[in-house]
Each structure stands twice: as structure tokens, then as C-alpha cells.
Amino acid sequence: MRKILSVLIVFVISFSARAELSIQITQGIDNPIPIAVVPFSWDGAGVLSEDVADVVVGDLEQVGEFRALSPGNMLSMPSEASEVFYNDWRTLAQDYLLVGTINRAPGSQLVQVQYEFFDVNRELKLAGEVLTGSVAQLRDIGHEISNIVYELVTGTRGAFDTQILYVVAENEGTEYNNFRLEKADYDGQRPQVLLESGEPIMSPSWSPDGQDVAYVSFETDLPRIYIQNIASGQRRQITNFPNINSSPVWSPDGSMLAMVLSKDGSPDIYVQNLNTNELIRVTDHPAIDTEPSWSTDGRSIVFMSDRTGQPQIYQMAIGAASYEVERLTYDCFQCMKGAFLPDGVNLVHVRRETRQSQYQISILNIETLRVISLTSTSLDESPSVAPNGSMIMYATKFDGRGVLDAVSIDGRVKFRLPSSRGDVREPAWSPFFN
């Protein structure tokens, strides 16, 4: 028996976000894996605030690779292994089966969720354990079970318990401007406001341990970089240089923050040591150098520069005797906002093939130079990669409003997170929390 996810229950400035995101699946694969998730039995009084089985079904179907059997079509409703008859599920053409029970001891605030996961064709139990948490953590428990199922079936670690940052803008361009930095589950549920301002908020970025966020705020009428602790809400201003202070992004070990400053002339890439506050200028070019991101090993920085006349993506080693710049993109009219997938070889970026083309989210393999375009919508921007490398979330336009879309790295699966109010932009996918 193990307690889970207590680190995810955090205190923030505000718990009442006004721009609820509601996931919509827009594209799935042709032959999803059939799975039966039986409603978990509940041994207790009243109605639970979350349906764990529904959470699991939502997770697995949202990534497009699974198709869940409707409970109305099930021949039986087992809740433990002794009640499972494999022939019933083979008759229904199900490859996998998940069952479970939820109970709470009298007078206790904790619930115990016991689940068991089966391979129907091999008549084999693949996993099973008891997860303990408060009633408020039932959704977290559901995500944890989804992670286990996903990894056992696909071989890839699940990211259902991760979160996203994003900016919501309402009434932009009017005297009633309102900007919010919000945090939510990966599927848009349980949104929380981390910062609200009448001035723009930009470029949110997670620390590698998921405990802090960096962002740009114009609350002093000038762009300045801040770091904020999620649990306490405490924050500190990192920069106060003249002109541009933008695009903060953490190094993989959390010790440094890359950023864009124009304090010495044109915008260039700088790196600040967060322990010593030492600031190092990385690029020094009269053109615009911006949009830094770190390589997976932290030894180099990828950035966008227009030094050849159009935005292209470059890479520069950090800490070397000389900062040699390598150009990574050549065959596009404009390429920008580059970031490596966890494999360190494939580079997600925003690509515009020709002057007449739309902006698309694409992947470039820097070894083979193969390019895959993943999206066909317009004004696609700000891609952010899930920590398991399976999905990319990005900002786009739908019905004239800013929304968040997600696409799998092979382009086969897509879902959308439209907002009930305001324009949503600049998503940042969290790291794994454990």
C-alpha cells in the first residue's frame, strides 16, 4: 500500500480560474486498442466526487490510442480477479481489462483504491496494487492508474499526472485588459490562477523539479523576469535591465536560466547562474537572437536568429572555450521556436516553408535532416513537449480565438483544449513530478 501524490496538493494565490479548458478529441488512430474499464465498485456511503474509472477512460481515449468499451455493452461487472471470466471479454473483442474497488474505513478521511489490470488474450494479470489518498486525490489516483496501464501496453511512460502552464488574455487591447498565468492538469482540469495582472504575462517556464515557474511580467510597464514558487506563491524579480528582458528557460539541472536581454544593444542570449547571479553573454551579434532552449544534456542552447535575413534555428555549446554557432535549419523560409524532444535528436519547431505557407508545428531530425510536419492549422506557435516525448502542445487559432491544441509526435492523434473565456496561449508542459 502506498500514499501518492501528496506533493501535487499545493497552495496557490487563487483557486478560482475563470477560463476552464475542456478537452475535445479531434483526431485519433484508425485501429485503437480495445480496453474494458469496469466501473470501480464503491464500498461506502454517498457519491464520490470523482469517478476513477471515468478518469482512466478519459486519459486513455484522449491520447487516441485506446477505445474503451461502454459499460452498457459489458457482460459482467467484476471488481476483482476472482470475478473475471476471460471468455466474456474475448467475446467482446477486448484486449485488456481493468477492474477495481474503492473503500473507506469508518471515520477515516482516506480512501483505498485497489485496481487489477489484465491481458485478456494471454489470461494474465499484468498489474495490481492498492493506492491510498484523500477523496480530493481520486483524480490523481485515476491518472496514476492510467500511467501504469499506458506504460504496460505501449512501453512508454505515461504523462497523465503532469500539468500545463498557459496564459489567458481577456479584453486585450482595451482598458479592461486582464491577463492570467494559470496551471492545470494536462487535460485542462482543475485550473488554478498563479498570477493575475492588467499588464501582459509571457513566456512561462517550469523548473526541472516542477516546484517553481519563471515568466515575464509587464506589471511595472516594462518586461521583467520573475521566478515564483508554486506552493507558497512567493516570487522574486530576476532581471531589471533596460529594454528587453524575455524568454526565460531553465537548464536541465535547474541551476541556470537562459534568457534574452537587449541591455547591451541588440537582443542576445544570456545565461544567469541562479546560485551566484553571475550573468554570461552567450551570443553577440547585431541581428536578433531570441527563443533559447536547452539541449537535453544542458551542454548547449538552441535559439532563433535572423542573422541570415530570415528566422532560422541555431545551436551553440555552453561552457566551451569558444562559442561556435551551428545552423540547424536550411530548407525553410522561416524556422523558429526550436526545442529538442527527450531523445536529443529530434527538434520540434515552428516552420514556414515558403512566404505563402502557413506556420506549422514540425519535427526535424538533426542527424538525417528528415522533416515531418504535424499540423495543418494556421498561426500555430509555442510548441511544448510532454516529458515522455509522446505529445506536443501548442497554441493556435480556432473560431477566431486562441486555443491550445496537442498532437502526437507521429501526427496521428490530436486533441484540443478550447477555453470558455479569453484567448489561451503559450503552453508549457510540466516535467515529471517524481
Protein backbone atom coordinates (compact mmCIF):
# COMPACT_ATOMS: atom_id res chain seq x y z
CA MET A 1 0.00 0.00 0.00
CA ARG A 2 1.42 3.40 -0.81
CA LYS A 3 0.38 7.00 -0.44
CA ILE A 4 0.64 9.00 -3.63
CA LEU A 5 0.77 12.46 -4.99
CA SER A 6 0.79 14.49 -1.82
CA VAL A 7 3.29 16.80 -3.50
CA LEU A 8 0.66 17.72 -6.04
CA ILE A 9 -1.66 19.28 -3.50
CA VAL A 10 -0.32 22.82 -3.46
CA PHE A 11 -1.43 26.20 -2.23
CA VAL A 12 -1.50 28.96 -4.80
CA ILE A 13 -2.55 32.57 -4.94
CA SER A 14 -6.03 31.79 -6.22
CA PHE A 15 -8.06 28.64 -6.70
CA SER A 16 -10.76 30.16 -8.89
CA ALA A 17 -9.74 30.19 -12.54
CA ARG A 18 -12.31 31.64 -14.87
CA ALA A 19 -11.19 30.06 -18.13
CA GLU A 20 -11.97 26.37 -17.80
CA LEU A 21 -10.40 24.25 -20.52
CA SER A 22 -12.47 21.36 -21.82
CA ILE A 23 -10.72 18.69 -23.85
CA GLN A 24 -12.03 17.74 -27.30
CA ILE A 25 -10.55 14.86 -29.29
CA THR A 26 -10.17 15.99 -32.90
CA GLN A 27 -8.27 13.04 -34.42
CA GLY A 28 -7.37 9.50 -33.34
CA ILE A 29 -5.72 6.46 -34.88
CA ASP A 30 -7.61 4.09 -37.20
CA ASN A 31 -7.37 0.97 -35.02
CA PRO A 32 -7.25 1.94 -31.35
CA ILE A 33 -6.52 -0.72 -28.75
CA PRO A 34 -9.77 -2.11 -27.25
CA ILE A 35 -9.88 -1.95 -23.46
CA ALA A 36 -12.66 -2.56 -20.95
CA VAL A 37 -12.54 -0.34 -17.87
CA VAL A 38 -15.20 -1.64 -15.50
CA PRO A 39 -16.76 0.98 -13.17
CA PHE A 40 -14.99 0.61 -9.83
CA SER A 41 -17.16 -0.67 -7.01
CA TRP A 42 -17.59 1.76 -4.09
CA ASP A 43 -17.87 0.40 -0.58
CA GLY A 44 -19.02 3.50 1.25
CA ALA A 45 -21.79 6.00 1.81
CA GLY A 46 -22.71 8.81 -0.55
CA VAL A 47 -21.39 9.65 -4.01
CA LEU A 48 -17.69 10.16 -4.65
CA SER A 49 -16.54 13.47 -6.14
CA GLU A 50 -14.63 11.73 -8.92
CA ASP A 51 -15.28 8.54 -10.89
CA VAL A 52 -11.86 6.87 -11.06
CA ALA A 53 -12.83 4.62 -13.97
CA ASP A 54 -14.07 7.64 -15.94
CA VAL A 55 -10.78 9.43 -15.31
CA VAL A 56 -8.86 6.42 -16.68
CA VAL A 57 -11.13 6.15 -19.73
CA GLY A 58 -10.74 9.86 -20.42
CA ASP A 59 -6.96 9.65 -20.18
CA LEU A 60 -6.59 6.63 -22.43
CA GLU A 61 -9.05 7.81 -25.06
CA GLN A 62 -7.69 11.35 -25.14
CA VAL A 63 -4.29 10.18 -26.36
CA GLY A 64 -6.15 8.45 -29.21
CA GLU A 65 -4.51 5.04 -28.89
CA PHE A 66 -7.28 3.31 -26.91
CA ARG A 67 -11.00 2.72 -27.36
CA ALA A 68 -12.92 1.93 -24.17
CA LEU A 69 -15.90 -0.40 -24.10
CA SER A 70 -19.14 1.18 -22.98
CA PRO A 71 -20.32 -0.22 -19.61
CA GLY A 72 -23.72 -0.80 -21.20
CA ASN A 73 -22.15 -3.41 -23.51
CA MET A 74 -20.34 -5.33 -20.77
CA LEU A 75 -21.50 -8.87 -19.99
CA SER A 76 -20.43 -8.65 -16.34
CA MET A 77 -19.12 -6.14 -13.82
CA PRO A 78 -16.21 -7.77 -11.97
CA SER A 79 -14.38 -5.81 -9.30
CA GLU A 80 -11.58 -8.29 -8.52
CA ALA A 81 -9.64 -11.11 -10.16
CA SER A 82 -11.81 -13.93 -8.81
CA GLU A 83 -14.80 -12.47 -10.70
CA VAL A 84 -13.04 -12.19 -14.08
CA PHE A 85 -14.06 -14.64 -16.82
CA TYR A 86 -11.76 -14.12 -19.78
CA ASN A 87 -14.14 -15.68 -22.31
CA ASP A 88 -16.65 -12.89 -21.66
CA TRP A 89 -14.10 -10.26 -22.65
CA ARG A 90 -12.76 -12.20 -25.63
CA THR A 91 -16.34 -12.47 -26.87
CA LEU A 92 -16.45 -8.66 -26.74
CA ALA A 93 -13.11 -8.45 -28.60
CA GLN A 94 -11.33 -6.70 -25.72
CA ASP A 95 -7.56 -6.93 -25.47
CA TYR A 96 -7.26 -5.55 -21.94
CA LEU A 97 -9.39 -5.34 -18.81
CA LEU A 98 -9.19 -3.05 -15.77
CA VAL A 99 -11.24 -3.62 -12.62
CA GLY A 100 -11.15 -2.11 -9.16
CA THR A 101 -12.76 -1.31 -5.84
CA ILE A 102 -12.82 1.80 -3.66
CA ASN A 103 -13.41 1.66 0.07
CA ARG A 104 -13.06 3.91 3.09
CA ALA A 105 -12.76 2.84 6.68
CA PRO A 106 -15.42 4.32 9.01
CA GLY A 107 -14.33 7.72 10.30
CA SER A 108 -11.28 7.90 8.02
CA GLN A 109 -10.64 10.70 5.54
CA LEU A 110 -8.59 8.36 3.34
CA VAL A 111 -9.84 6.08 0.60
CA GLN A 112 -8.18 2.94 -0.67
CA VAL A 113 -8.34 2.22 -4.41
CA GLN A 114 -7.46 -1.32 -5.37
CA TYR A 115 -7.08 -1.99 -9.10
CA GLU A 116 -6.14 -5.03 -11.19
CA PHE A 117 -5.14 -4.95 -14.85
CA PHE A 118 -5.36 -7.98 -17.17
CA ASP A 119 -4.21 -9.09 -20.62
CA VAL A 120 -7.36 -10.84 -21.87
CA ASN A 121 -5.83 -12.88 -24.69
CA ARG A 122 -2.99 -14.23 -22.56
CA GLU A 123 -5.28 -14.58 -19.50
CA LEU A 124 -2.61 -12.83 -17.48
CA LYS A 125 -2.74 -10.29 -14.67
CA LEU A 126 -0.28 -7.54 -15.58
CA ALA A 127 -0.54 -5.27 -12.54
CA GLY A 128 -2.43 -4.65 -9.34
CA GLU A 129 -1.96 -2.68 -6.14
CA VAL A 130 -3.70 -0.54 -3.55
CA LEU A 131 -3.36 3.26 -3.78
CA THR A 132 -4.24 5.40 -0.79
CA GLY A 133 -5.20 9.06 -0.72
CA SER A 134 -7.86 11.55 0.27
CA VAL A 135 -11.16 11.87 -1.58
CA ALA A 136 -9.74 15.05 -3.14
CA GLN A 137 -6.95 12.92 -4.66
CA LEU A 138 -9.21 10.48 -6.52
CA ARG A 139 -8.48 12.20 -9.81
CA ASP A 140 -4.74 11.94 -9.13
CA ILE A 141 -5.16 8.25 -8.36
CA GLY A 142 -7.01 7.78 -11.65
CA HIS A 143 -4.16 9.46 -13.52
CA GLU A 144 -1.64 7.21 -11.74
CA ILE A 145 -3.54 4.08 -12.83
CA SER A 146 -3.69 5.44 -16.39
CA ASN A 147 0.09 5.88 -16.34
CA ILE A 148 0.59 2.26 -15.36
CA VAL A 149 -1.82 0.93 -17.99
CA TYR A 150 -0.31 3.11 -20.71
CA GLU A 151 3.26 2.08 -19.96
CA LEU A 152 2.46 -1.63 -19.74
CA VAL A 153 0.71 -1.56 -23.12
CA THR A 154 2.85 0.90 -25.09
CA GLY A 155 6.23 0.68 -23.36
CA THR A 156 6.28 4.47 -22.92
CA ARG A 157 5.97 6.14 -19.53
CA GLY A 158 2.57 7.76 -19.07
CA ALA A 159 2.29 11.52 -18.52
CA PHE A 160 -1.30 11.74 -17.30
CA ASP A 161 -0.32 13.15 -13.91
CA THR A 162 1.63 16.03 -15.45
CA GLN A 163 0.39 19.62 -15.66
CA ILE A 164 0.50 22.60 -18.00
CA LEU A 165 1.09 26.31 -17.66
CA TYR A 166 -0.57 28.78 -20.02
CA VAL A 167 -1.55 32.41 -20.29
CA VAL A 168 -5.17 33.57 -20.65
CA ALA A 169 -5.85 37.03 -22.09
CA GLU A 170 -9.25 38.73 -21.85
CA ASN A 171 -10.33 42.09 -23.27
CA GLU A 172 -6.85 42.56 -24.74
CA GLY A 173 -6.29 45.98 -26.24
CA THR A 174 -8.95 47.67 -24.11
CA GLU A 175 -8.85 49.50 -20.80
CA TYR A 176 -10.18 46.30 -19.20
CA ASN A 177 -7.12 44.18 -20.06
CA ASN A 178 -6.82 41.06 -17.95
CA PHE A 179 -4.01 38.53 -18.11
CA ARG A 180 -3.71 35.37 -16.03
CA LEU A 181 -0.98 32.81 -15.64
CA GLU A 182 -2.76 29.54 -14.92
CA LYS A 183 -1.78 25.98 -14.06
CA ALA A 184 -3.95 22.94 -14.78
CA ASP A 185 -3.83 19.18 -15.21
CA TYR A 186 -2.57 18.15 -18.65
CA ASP A 187 -6.22 17.79 -19.78
CA GLY A 188 -7.20 21.29 -18.61
CA GLN A 189 -8.96 20.14 -15.45
CA ARG A 190 -8.55 21.78 -12.01
CA PRO A 191 -7.19 25.12 -13.27
CA GLN A 192 -5.59 27.45 -10.75
CA VAL A 193 -4.53 31.08 -11.12
CA LEU A 194 -0.88 31.71 -10.24
CA LEU A 195 -0.77 35.38 -11.23
CA GLU A 196 -3.33 37.93 -12.44
CA SER A 197 -2.46 41.31 -13.90
CA GLY A 198 -3.76 44.14 -16.01
CA GLU A 199 -0.47 44.01 -17.93
CA PRO A 200 0.79 41.22 -20.22
CA ILE A 201 2.29 37.99 -18.86
CA MET A 202 4.50 35.99 -21.21
CA SER A 203 6.84 33.01 -21.63
CA PRO A 204 6.01 30.73 -18.67
CA SER A 205 8.61 28.04 -17.99
CA TRP A 206 8.76 25.17 -15.46
CA SER A 207 11.74 24.47 -13.25
CA PRO A 208 13.04 20.90 -13.75
CA ASP A 209 11.64 19.79 -10.37
CA GLY A 210 8.22 21.30 -11.07
CA GLN A 211 8.32 23.43 -7.92
CA ASP A 212 8.86 26.85 -9.49
CA VAL A 213 7.91 28.76 -12.63
CA ALA A 214 9.67 31.58 -14.46
CA TYR A 215 7.83 34.10 -16.60
CA VAL A 216 7.88 37.64 -17.98
CA SER A 217 5.54 40.23 -16.47
CA PHE A 218 4.92 43.81 -17.64
CA GLU A 219 3.42 44.85 -14.29
CA THR A 220 5.96 47.68 -13.96
CA ASP A 221 5.16 48.73 -17.56
CA LEU A 222 8.46 47.14 -18.61
CA PRO A 223 9.21 43.46 -19.31
CA ARG A 224 10.93 41.84 -16.34
CA ILE A 225 11.65 38.20 -15.49
CA TYR A 226 10.29 36.67 -12.28
CA ILE A 227 10.56 33.30 -10.55
CA GLN A 228 7.58 32.15 -8.47
CA ASN A 229 7.25 29.20 -6.12
CA ILE A 230 4.01 27.36 -6.88
CA ALA A 231 3.29 26.08 -3.37
CA SER A 232 3.85 29.33 -1.47
CA GLY A 233 3.18 31.89 -4.18
CA GLN A 234 6.39 33.70 -3.16
CA ARG A 235 8.27 35.23 -6.05
CA ARG A 236 11.37 37.23 -6.81
CA GLN A 237 12.36 39.50 -9.64
CA ILE A 238 15.35 38.11 -11.54
CA THR A 239 16.10 40.92 -14.01
CA ASN A 240 15.78 44.67 -14.10
CA PHE A 241 17.83 45.57 -17.15
CA PRO A 242 16.93 48.28 -19.66
CA ASN A 243 14.79 47.35 -22.67
CA ILE A 244 14.06 43.67 -23.44
CA ASN A 245 14.05 41.07 -20.64
CA SER A 246 12.35 37.98 -22.06
CA SER A 247 12.16 34.23 -22.80
CA PRO A 248 13.39 32.66 -19.53
CA VAL A 249 14.04 28.94 -19.68
CA TRP A 250 15.61 26.65 -17.06
CA SER A 251 18.66 24.49 -17.62
CA PRO A 252 18.02 20.74 -17.15
CA ASP A 253 19.74 20.75 -13.74
CA GLY A 254 17.84 23.86 -12.57
CA SER A 255 20.98 25.85 -11.76
CA MET A 256 20.81 28.33 -14.64
CA LEU A 257 18.27 30.40 -16.51
CA ALA A 258 18.75 31.27 -20.18
CA MET A 259 17.08 34.49 -21.28
CA VAL A 260 17.03 37.25 -23.88
CA LEU A 261 18.34 40.70 -22.96
CA SER A 262 18.97 43.81 -25.05
CA LYS A 263 20.79 45.76 -22.37
CA ASP A 264 23.96 45.87 -24.49
CA GLY A 265 22.32 46.66 -27.83
CA SER A 266 20.51 44.11 -29.98
CA PRO A 267 18.66 41.19 -28.35
CA ASP A 268 21.11 38.44 -27.40
CA ILE A 269 21.08 35.20 -25.39
CA TYR A 270 22.39 35.36 -21.82
CA VAL A 271 22.69 32.72 -19.09
CA GLN A 272 22.31 33.58 -15.41
CA ASN A 273 23.63 31.33 -12.65
CA LEU A 274 20.77 31.23 -10.12
CA ASN A 275 23.13 30.42 -7.25
CA THR A 276 25.72 33.15 -7.81
CA ASN A 277 23.68 35.54 -10.03
CA GLU A 278 26.62 35.57 -12.46
CA LEU A 279 25.40 36.64 -15.91
CA ILE A 280 27.14 35.37 -19.04
CA ARG A 281 26.51 36.71 -22.53
CA VAL A 282 26.24 33.76 -24.91
CA THR A 283 25.62 35.42 -28.28
CA ASP A 284 26.97 38.71 -29.55
CA HIS A 285 25.54 39.60 -32.95
CA PRO A 286 23.87 42.71 -34.40
CA ALA A 287 20.91 40.58 -35.53
CA ILE A 288 18.10 39.42 -33.25
CA ASP A 289 18.94 36.28 -31.24
CA THR A 290 15.97 35.00 -29.22
CA GLU A 291 13.84 31.99 -28.14
CA PRO A 292 16.53 29.99 -26.29
CA SER A 293 16.01 26.40 -25.22
CA TRP A 294 18.43 23.91 -23.70
CA SER A 295 19.68 20.66 -25.17
CA THR A 296 18.68 17.63 -23.13
CA ASP A 297 22.19 17.29 -21.66
CA GLY A 298 22.41 21.01 -20.78
CA ARG A 299 25.62 21.46 -22.76
CA SER A 300 24.21 23.67 -25.50
CA ILE A 301 21.45 26.13 -26.28
CA VAL A 302 19.20 26.20 -29.33
CA PHE A 303 17.97 29.62 -30.39
CA MET A 304 16.38 31.55 -33.24
CA SER A 305 18.27 34.24 -35.12
CA ASP A 306 17.56 36.34 -38.21
CA ARG A 307 21.27 36.85 -38.91
CA THR A 308 20.84 35.46 -42.44
CA GLY A 309 17.84 37.67 -43.21
CA GLN A 310 15.07 35.27 -42.15
CA PRO A 311 14.46 33.50 -38.83
CA GLN A 312 16.40 30.23 -38.63
CA ILE A 313 17.39 27.91 -35.77
CA TYR A 314 20.96 27.68 -34.48
CA GLN A 315 22.78 25.78 -31.74
CA MET A 316 25.67 26.91 -29.55
CA ALA A 317 27.71 24.97 -26.99
CA ILE A 318 27.77 26.40 -23.45
CA GLY A 319 30.96 26.48 -21.42
CA ALA A 320 33.24 25.75 -24.36
CA ALA A 321 36.46 27.68 -24.93
CA SER A 322 34.79 29.41 -27.88
CA TYR A 323 31.10 29.75 -28.58
CA GLU A 324 30.77 28.23 -32.05
CA VAL A 325 27.39 28.65 -33.68
CA GLU A 326 25.93 25.84 -35.81
CA ARG A 327 22.96 26.45 -38.06
CA LEU A 328 20.37 23.65 -37.83
CA THR A 329 17.67 24.67 -40.35
CA TYR A 330 18.19 25.48 -44.01
CA ASP A 331 15.25 24.32 -46.12
CA CYS A 332 12.51 26.59 -44.74
CA PHE A 333 11.58 30.21 -45.38
CA GLN A 334 11.26 30.71 -41.63
CA CYS A 335 12.04 28.30 -38.80
CA MET A 336 11.72 29.30 -35.14
CA LYS A 337 10.92 28.25 -31.58
CA GLY A 338 13.10 25.14 -31.60
CA ALA A 339 13.24 22.65 -28.70
CA PHE A 340 14.62 19.14 -28.51
CA LEU A 341 12.46 16.12 -27.76
CA PRO A 342 13.75 13.95 -24.87
CA ASP A 343 15.76 11.83 -27.35
CA GLY A 344 18.04 14.81 -28.01
CA VAL A 345 17.95 14.17 -31.77
CA ASN A 346 14.54 15.34 -32.93
CA LEU A 347 13.84 19.07 -32.82
CA VAL A 348 10.28 20.35 -32.61
CA HIS A 349 9.90 23.80 -34.14
CA VAL A 350 7.57 26.21 -35.90
CA ARG A 351 8.12 26.05 -39.66
CA ARG A 352 7.00 28.19 -42.56
CA GLU A 353 8.07 26.50 -45.78
CA THR A 354 7.54 29.42 -48.16
CA ARG A 355 6.47 33.05 -47.98
CA GLN A 356 2.91 31.93 -48.84
CA SER A 357 2.82 28.99 -46.38
CA GLN A 358 1.10 28.76 -43.01
CA TYR A 359 3.05 28.34 -39.77
CA GLN A 360 3.12 24.64 -38.82
CA ILE A 361 4.48 22.56 -35.97
CA SER A 362 7.18 20.27 -37.37
CA ILE A 363 9.92 17.90 -36.24
CA LEU A 364 13.45 17.93 -37.69
CA ASN A 365 15.80 15.01 -37.13
CA ILE A 366 19.17 16.78 -36.92
CA GLU A 367 21.05 13.61 -37.94
CA THR A 368 19.04 12.55 -41.00
CA LEU A 369 17.60 16.04 -41.74
CA ARG A 370 14.18 14.45 -42.23
CA VAL A 371 11.30 16.84 -41.55
CA ILE A 372 7.77 15.82 -40.51
CA SER A 373 5.02 18.45 -40.41
CA LEU A 374 2.45 17.61 -37.74
CA THR A 375 -0.19 20.33 -38.09
CA SER A 376 -2.20 21.97 -40.84
CA THR A 377 -3.97 24.72 -38.91
CA SER A 378 -2.97 28.37 -39.16
CA LEU A 379 -0.87 30.52 -36.83
CA ASP A 380 0.47 27.51 -34.92
CA GLU A 381 3.07 28.60 -32.36
CA SER A 382 4.72 27.97 -28.98
CA PRO A 383 5.18 24.17 -29.10
CA SER A 384 5.87 22.43 -25.77
CA VAL A 385 6.78 18.75 -25.47
CA ALA A 386 5.29 16.31 -22.94
CA PRO A 387 8.03 14.92 -20.64
CA ASN A 388 7.63 11.44 -22.14
CA GLY A 389 8.08 12.85 -25.65
CA SER A 390 4.78 11.43 -26.90
CA MET A 391 2.76 14.63 -27.45
CA ILE A 392 3.36 18.26 -28.33
CA MET A 393 1.04 21.02 -27.09
CA TYR A 394 0.91 24.31 -28.97
CA ALA A 395 -1.12 27.48 -29.37
CA THR A 396 -3.30 28.10 -32.41
CA LYS A 397 -6.49 29.83 -33.50
CA PHE A 398 -9.97 28.29 -33.65
CA ASP A 399 -13.16 30.23 -34.35
CA GLY A 400 -11.17 33.44 -34.04
CA ARG A 401 -9.87 32.71 -30.54
CA GLY A 402 -6.62 31.45 -29.11
CA VAL A 403 -6.80 27.80 -28.04
CA LEU A 404 -4.38 25.04 -27.10
CA ASP A 405 -4.03 22.00 -29.36
CA ALA A 406 -1.97 18.85 -28.85
CA VAL A 407 -0.60 16.45 -31.45
CA SER A 408 1.28 13.16 -31.13
CA ILE A 409 4.84 13.11 -32.44
CA ASP A 410 3.73 10.95 -35.39
CA GLY A 411 0.86 13.33 -36.20
CA ARG A 412 -1.84 10.66 -35.88
CA VAL A 413 -3.53 11.83 -32.68
CA LYS A 414 -4.84 15.33 -31.92
CA PHE A 415 -6.91 16.94 -29.19
CA ARG A 416 -7.98 20.49 -28.40
CA LEU A 417 -8.33 22.46 -25.17
CA PRO A 418 -10.60 25.39 -26.02
CA SER A 419 -11.26 27.97 -23.32
CA SER A 420 -14.70 29.02 -22.14
CA ARG A 421 -13.43 32.61 -21.98
CA GLY A 422 -10.50 34.56 -23.39
CA ASP A 423 -7.57 33.70 -25.61
CA VAL A 424 -5.28 30.93 -24.38
CA ARG A 425 -1.64 30.95 -25.42
CA GLU A 426 1.96 29.95 -24.63
CA PRO A 427 1.54 26.46 -23.15
CA ALA A 428 4.36 24.91 -21.13
CA TRP A 429 4.18 21.20 -20.31
CA SER A 430 5.50 20.28 -16.87
CA PRO A 431 8.28 17.79 -16.14
CA PHE A 432 7.51 14.53 -14.39
CA PHE A 433 6.88 15.24 -10.70
CA ASN A 434 8.52 12.05 -9.44
